[in-house]
Amino acid sequence: MSRYRPPRTAGTALITPEGEARMRAEFHELWHVRRPQVTQSVSEAAAQGDRSENAEYTYGKKMLREIDSRVRFLTKRLEALKVVSEKPSDPNKVYFGAWVTIEYEDGKESRYRIVGPDELDLKLGLISIDSPLARALIGKALDAEVRVQTPTGEQCVYIVAIDYL
């Protein structure tokens, strides 16, 4: 069996200003803080002698590869992203960056913000614009009934509120 994994699709190249700031902060942390620390520890481990049996050296080199890989990804991704900071002309419809409160058929309400795939965090209520729910909500107006295809079947949700903060 081969170890080949097809490249993951990057998703929609949109991001909120907050998401871009988080990605730039992660890049800065990795490149200017973590990488110099790991490089220093690898240098110290290499000075101890035999590298083939030196766990600190081996682990440090592995950490450097992981940091460099993430830095490369962030560099390329940040170049490709388009920051969406302006509010839409019609604030009564759902577009990228909107906070949407929806009500399920059982009366339960949930609030989500539609963001780019790099910002996805369900604990904070951030859903990707590429998700089935977000795709169903985009372009819909307040009080609209929206049918969403989920893994458990089709669900009907109602748009209760739309905010652009």
C-alpha atoms as a PDB file:
ATOM      1  CA  MET A   1       0.000   0.000   0.000  1.00  0.00           C
ATOM      2  CA  SER A   2       1.394   3.393  -0.917  1.00  0.00           C
ATOM      3  CA  ARG A   3       1.696   6.291   1.517  1.00  0.00           C
ATOM      4  CA  TYR A   4       0.567   8.789  -1.096  1.00  0.00           C
ATOM      5  CA  ARG A   5      -2.206  11.085   0.028  1.00  0.00           C
ATOM      6  CA  PRO A   6      -3.797  13.394  -2.525  1.00  0.00           C
ATOM      7  CA  PRO A   7      -3.422  17.052  -1.593  1.00  0.00           C
ATOM      8  CA  ARG A   8      -6.243  18.510   0.462  1.00  0.00           C
ATOM      9  CA  THR A   9      -8.302  21.103  -1.361  1.00  0.00           C
ATOM     10  CA  ALA A  10      -7.682  24.537   0.088  1.00  0.00           C
ATOM     11  CA  GLY A  11     -11.329  25.585   0.036  1.00  0.00           C
ATOM     12  CA  THR A  12     -12.688  29.027  -0.642  1.00  0.00           C
ATOM     13  CA  ALA A  13      -9.975  31.702  -0.540  1.00  0.00           C
ATOM     14  CA  LEU A  14     -11.891  34.121   1.683  1.00  0.00           C
ATOM     15  CA  ILE A  15     -11.041  35.167   5.230  1.00  0.00           C
ATOM     16  CA  THR A  16     -12.238  37.702   7.784  1.00  0.00           C
ATOM     17  CA  PRO A  17      -9.818  40.352   9.118  1.00  0.00           C
ATOM     18  CA  GLU A  18      -9.819  38.573  12.495  1.00  0.00           C
ATOM     19  CA  GLY A  19      -8.919  35.257  10.859  1.00  0.00           C
ATOM     20  CA  GLU A  20      -6.098  36.835   8.893  1.00  0.00           C
ATOM     21  CA  ALA A  21      -4.737  38.411  12.081  1.00  0.00           C
ATOM     22  CA  ARG A  22      -4.779  35.006  13.828  1.00  0.00           C
ATOM     23  CA  MET A  23      -2.950  33.365  10.915  1.00  0.00           C
ATOM     24  CA  ARG A  24      -0.337  36.143  10.802  1.00  0.00           C
ATOM     25  CA  ALA A  25       0.135  35.859  14.592  1.00  0.00           C
ATOM     26  CA  GLU A  26       0.643  32.089  14.254  1.00  0.00           C
ATOM     27  CA  PHE A  27       3.166  32.668  11.458  1.00  0.00           C
ATOM     28  CA  HIS A  28       5.027  35.235  13.582  1.00  0.00           C
ATOM     29  CA  GLU A  29       5.028  32.925  16.624  1.00  0.00           C
ATOM     30  CA  LEU A  30       6.384  29.982  14.606  1.00  0.00           C
ATOM     31  CA  TRP A  31       8.983  31.903  12.613  1.00  0.00           C
ATOM     32  CA  HIS A  32      10.279  34.414  15.156  1.00  0.00           C
ATOM     33  CA  VAL A  33       9.809  32.585  18.483  1.00  0.00           C
ATOM     34  CA  ARG A  34       9.473  28.799  18.231  1.00  0.00           C
ATOM     35  CA  ARG A  35      11.848  28.138  15.322  1.00  0.00           C
ATOM     36  CA  PRO A  36      14.817  29.995  16.889  1.00  0.00           C
ATOM     37  CA  GLN A  37      14.238  28.158  20.181  1.00  0.00           C
ATOM     38  CA  VAL A  38      14.148  24.739  18.503  1.00  0.00           C
ATOM     39  CA  THR A  39      17.149  25.612  16.327  1.00  0.00           C
ATOM     40  CA  GLN A  40      19.109  26.534  19.460  1.00  0.00           C
ATOM     41  CA  SER A  41      18.171  23.270  21.201  1.00  0.00           C
ATOM     42  CA  VAL A  42      19.125  21.234  18.100  1.00  0.00           C
ATOM     43  CA  SER A  43      22.458  23.044  17.970  1.00  0.00           C
ATOM     44  CA  GLU A  44      23.132  22.265  21.630  1.00  0.00           C
ATOM     45  CA  ALA A  45      22.134  18.608  21.134  1.00  0.00           C
ATOM     46  CA  ALA A  46      24.406  18.323  18.077  1.00  0.00           C
ATOM     47  CA  ALA A  47      27.345  19.643  20.104  1.00  0.00           C
ATOM     48  CA  GLN A  48      27.021  16.695  22.507  1.00  0.00           C
ATOM     49  CA  GLY A  49      28.488  14.279  20.007  1.00  0.00           C
ATOM     50  CA  ASP A  50      26.951  11.131  18.487  1.00  0.00           C
ATOM     51  CA  ARG A  51      23.773  12.268  16.720  1.00  0.00           C
ATOM     52  CA  SER A  52      22.515   8.796  15.803  1.00  0.00           C
ATOM     53  CA  GLU A  53      21.632   7.970  19.421  1.00  0.00           C
ATOM     54  CA  ASN A  54      20.752  11.479  20.534  1.00  0.00           C
ATOM     55  CA  ALA A  55      16.979  11.672  21.112  1.00  0.00           C
ATOM     56  CA  GLU A  56      17.007  15.433  21.681  1.00  0.00           C
ATOM     57  CA  TYR A  57      18.683  15.982  18.325  1.00  0.00           C
ATOM     58  CA  THR A  58      16.296  13.630  16.488  1.00  0.00           C
ATOM     59  CA  TYR A  59      13.202  15.141  18.137  1.00  0.00           C
ATOM     60  CA  GLY A  60      14.454  18.686  17.491  1.00  0.00           C
ATOM     61  CA  LYS A  61      15.008  17.994  13.794  1.00  0.00           C
ATOM     62  CA  LYS A  62      11.506  16.527  13.572  1.00  0.00           C
ATOM     63  CA  MET A  63      10.065  19.652  15.247  1.00  0.00           C
ATOM     64  CA  LEU A  64      11.964  21.868  12.788  1.00  0.00           C
ATOM     65  CA  ARG A  65      10.478  19.960   9.833  1.00  0.00           C
ATOM     66  CA  GLU A  66       6.958  20.374  11.270  1.00  0.00           C
ATOM     67  CA  ILE A  67       7.471  24.098  11.933  1.00  0.00           C
ATOM     68  CA  ASP A  68       8.932  24.658   8.453  1.00  0.00           C
ATOM     69  CA  SER A  69       6.049  22.771   6.861  1.00  0.00           C
ATOM     70  CA  ARG A  70       3.448  24.880   8.687  1.00  0.00           C
ATOM     71  CA  VAL A  71       5.333  28.115   7.880  1.00  0.00           C
ATOM     72  CA  ARG A  72       5.392  27.169   4.176  1.00  0.00           C
ATOM     73  CA  PHE A  73       1.655  26.435   4.256  1.00  0.00           C
ATOM     74  CA  LEU A  74       0.839  29.723   6.038  1.00  0.00           C
ATOM     75  CA  THR A  75       3.008  31.744   3.643  1.00  0.00           C
ATOM     76  CA  LYS A  76       1.333  30.302   0.549  1.00  0.00           C
ATOM     77  CA  ARG A  77      -2.162  30.449   2.035  1.00  0.00           C
ATOM     78  CA  LEU A  78      -1.874  34.062   3.221  1.00  0.00           C
ATOM     79  CA  GLU A  79      -0.766  35.100  -0.278  1.00  0.00           C
ATOM     80  CA  ALA A  80      -3.815  33.407  -1.835  1.00  0.00           C
ATOM     81  CA  LEU A  81      -6.455  34.662   0.611  1.00  0.00           C
ATOM     82  CA  LYS A  82      -8.761  37.625   0.016  1.00  0.00           C
ATOM     83  CA  VAL A  83      -9.683  39.527   3.174  1.00  0.00           C
ATOM     84  CA  VAL A  84     -13.373  40.459   3.254  1.00  0.00           C
ATOM     85  CA  SER A  85     -13.791  43.427   5.582  1.00  0.00           C
ATOM     86  CA  GLU A  86     -16.613  45.457   4.061  1.00  0.00           C
ATOM     87  CA  LYS A  87     -20.228  44.843   4.981  1.00  0.00           C
ATOM     88  CA  PRO A  88     -22.607  43.795   2.197  1.00  0.00           C
ATOM     89  CA  SER A  89     -24.923  46.297   0.544  1.00  0.00           C
ATOM     90  CA  ASP A  90     -27.991  44.349   1.759  1.00  0.00           C
ATOM     91  CA  PRO A  91     -27.572  43.555   5.495  1.00  0.00           C
ATOM     92  CA  ASN A  92     -30.913  41.696   5.543  1.00  0.00           C
ATOM     93  CA  LYS A  93     -29.430  38.767   3.615  1.00  0.00           C
ATOM     94  CA  VAL A  94     -26.821  36.227   4.644  1.00  0.00           C
ATOM     95  CA  TYR A  95     -23.358  36.704   3.147  1.00  0.00           C
ATOM     96  CA  PHE A  96     -19.779  35.933   4.109  1.00  0.00           C
ATOM     97  CA  GLY A  97     -18.942  37.190   7.610  1.00  0.00           C
ATOM     98  CA  ALA A  98     -22.544  37.251   8.860  1.00  0.00           C
ATOM     99  CA  TRP A  99     -23.595  36.097  12.303  1.00  0.00           C
ATOM    100  CA  VAL A 100     -26.740  34.054  11.653  1.00  0.00           C
ATOM    101  CA  THR A 101     -29.155  32.841  14.310  1.00  0.00           C
ATOM    102  CA  ILE A 102     -31.172  29.866  13.104  1.00  0.00           C
ATOM    103  CA  GLU A 103     -34.028  27.970  14.677  1.00  0.00           C
ATOM    104  CA  TYR A 104     -34.423  24.247  14.122  1.00  0.00           C
ATOM    105  CA  GLU A 105     -37.804  22.520  13.776  1.00  0.00           C
ATOM    106  CA  ASP A 106     -37.630  21.391  17.419  1.00  0.00           C
ATOM    107  CA  GLY A 107     -37.368  25.032  18.583  1.00  0.00           C
ATOM    108  CA  LYS A 108     -33.658  24.939  19.439  1.00  0.00           C
ATOM    109  CA  GLU A 109     -31.693  28.021  18.345  1.00  0.00           C
ATOM    110  CA  SER A 110     -28.041  28.208  17.280  1.00  0.00           C
ATOM    111  CA  ARG A 111     -25.870  31.152  16.283  1.00  0.00           C
ATOM    112  CA  TYR A 112     -23.119  30.787  13.692  1.00  0.00           C
ATOM    113  CA  ARG A 113     -20.728  33.067  11.844  1.00  0.00           C
ATOM    114  CA  ILE A 114     -19.946  32.213   8.232  1.00  0.00           C
ATOM    115  CA  VAL A 115     -16.160  32.395   7.809  1.00  0.00           C
ATOM    116  CA  GLY A 116     -13.442  30.979   5.583  1.00  0.00           C
ATOM    117  CA  PRO A 117     -12.316  27.338   5.871  1.00  0.00           C
ATOM    118  CA  ASP A 118      -9.103  28.382   7.657  1.00  0.00           C
ATOM    119  CA  GLU A 119     -11.095  29.894  10.548  1.00  0.00           C
ATOM    120  CA  LEU A 120     -13.430  26.972  11.251  1.00  0.00           C
ATOM    121  CA  ASP A 121     -14.106  26.550  15.005  1.00  0.00           C
ATOM    122  CA  LEU A 122     -17.452  25.065  16.025  1.00  0.00           C
ATOM    123  CA  LYS A 123     -16.839  25.795  19.723  1.00  0.00           C
ATOM    124  CA  LEU A 124     -16.856  29.510  18.870  1.00  0.00           C
ATOM    125  CA  GLY A 125     -19.760  29.130  16.440  1.00  0.00           C
ATOM    126  CA  LEU A 126     -17.610  29.688  13.345  1.00  0.00           C
ATOM    127  CA  ILE A 127     -18.652  27.576  10.356  1.00  0.00           C
ATOM    128  CA  SER A 128     -16.925  27.355   6.993  1.00  0.00           C
ATOM    129  CA  ILE A 129     -18.508  28.937   3.950  1.00  0.00           C
ATOM    130  CA  ASP A 130     -17.886  25.562   2.284  1.00  0.00           C
ATOM    131  CA  SER A 131     -20.097  23.685   4.789  1.00  0.00           C
ATOM    132  CA  PRO A 132     -23.537  22.452   3.699  1.00  0.00           C
ATOM    133  CA  LEU A 133     -25.302  24.696   6.241  1.00  0.00           C
ATOM    134  CA  ALA A 134     -23.454  27.842   5.143  1.00  0.00           C
ATOM    135  CA  ARG A 135     -23.998  27.061   1.460  1.00  0.00           C
ATOM    136  CA  ALA A 136     -27.718  26.704   2.118  1.00  0.00           C
ATOM    137  CA  LEU A 137     -27.866  29.985   4.088  1.00  0.00           C
ATOM    138  CA  ILE A 138     -25.892  32.216   1.674  1.00  0.00           C
ATOM    139  CA  GLY A 139     -28.135  34.712  -0.082  1.00  0.00           C
ATOM    140  CA  LYS A 140     -31.211  33.946   2.023  1.00  0.00           C
ATOM    141  CA  ALA A 141     -33.173  36.704   3.747  1.00  0.00           C
ATOM    142  CA  LEU A 142     -34.362  37.145   7.317  1.00  0.00           C
ATOM    143  CA  ASP A 143     -37.294  34.837   8.290  1.00  0.00           C
ATOM    144  CA  ALA A 144     -36.535  32.505   5.373  1.00  0.00           C
ATOM    145  CA  GLU A 145     -37.135  28.781   5.619  1.00  0.00           C
ATOM    146  CA  VAL A 146     -34.004  26.917   4.503  1.00  0.00           C
ATOM    147  CA  ARG A 147     -33.657  23.220   3.746  1.00  0.00           C
ATOM    148  CA  VAL A 148     -30.243  21.777   4.622  1.00  0.00           C
ATOM    149  CA  GLN A 149     -28.949  18.366   3.582  1.00  0.00           C
ATOM    150  CA  THR A 150     -27.220  16.786   6.604  1.00  0.00           C
ATOM    151  CA  PRO A 151     -25.725  13.318   7.135  1.00  0.00           C
ATOM    152  CA  THR A 152     -28.889  12.342   9.049  1.00  0.00           C
ATOM    153  CA  GLY A 153     -31.171  13.599   6.297  1.00  0.00           C
ATOM    154  CA  GLU A 154     -32.773  16.844   5.237  1.00  0.00           C
ATOM    155  CA  GLN A 155     -33.495  19.428   7.934  1.00  0.00           C
ATOM    156  CA  CYS A 156     -35.511  22.596   7.846  1.00  0.00           C
ATOM    157  CA  VAL A 157     -34.170  25.692   9.627  1.00  0.00           C
ATOM    158  CA  TYR A 158     -35.481  29.228   9.936  1.00  0.00           C
ATOM    159  CA  ILE A 159     -33.325  32.342   9.874  1.00  0.00           C
ATOM    160  CA  VAL A 160     -34.193  34.280  13.021  1.00  0.00           C
ATOM    161  CA  ALA A 161     -31.501  36.996  13.009  1.00  0.00           C
ATOM    162  CA  ILE A 162     -28.648  38.285  10.820  1.00  0.00           C
ATOM    163  CA  ASP A 163     -25.880  40.534  12.193  1.00  0.00           C
ATOM    164  CA  TYR A 164     -22.735  41.997  10.703  1.00  0.00           C
ATOM    165  CA  LEU A 165     -20.640  43.140  13.652  1.00  0.00           C
END
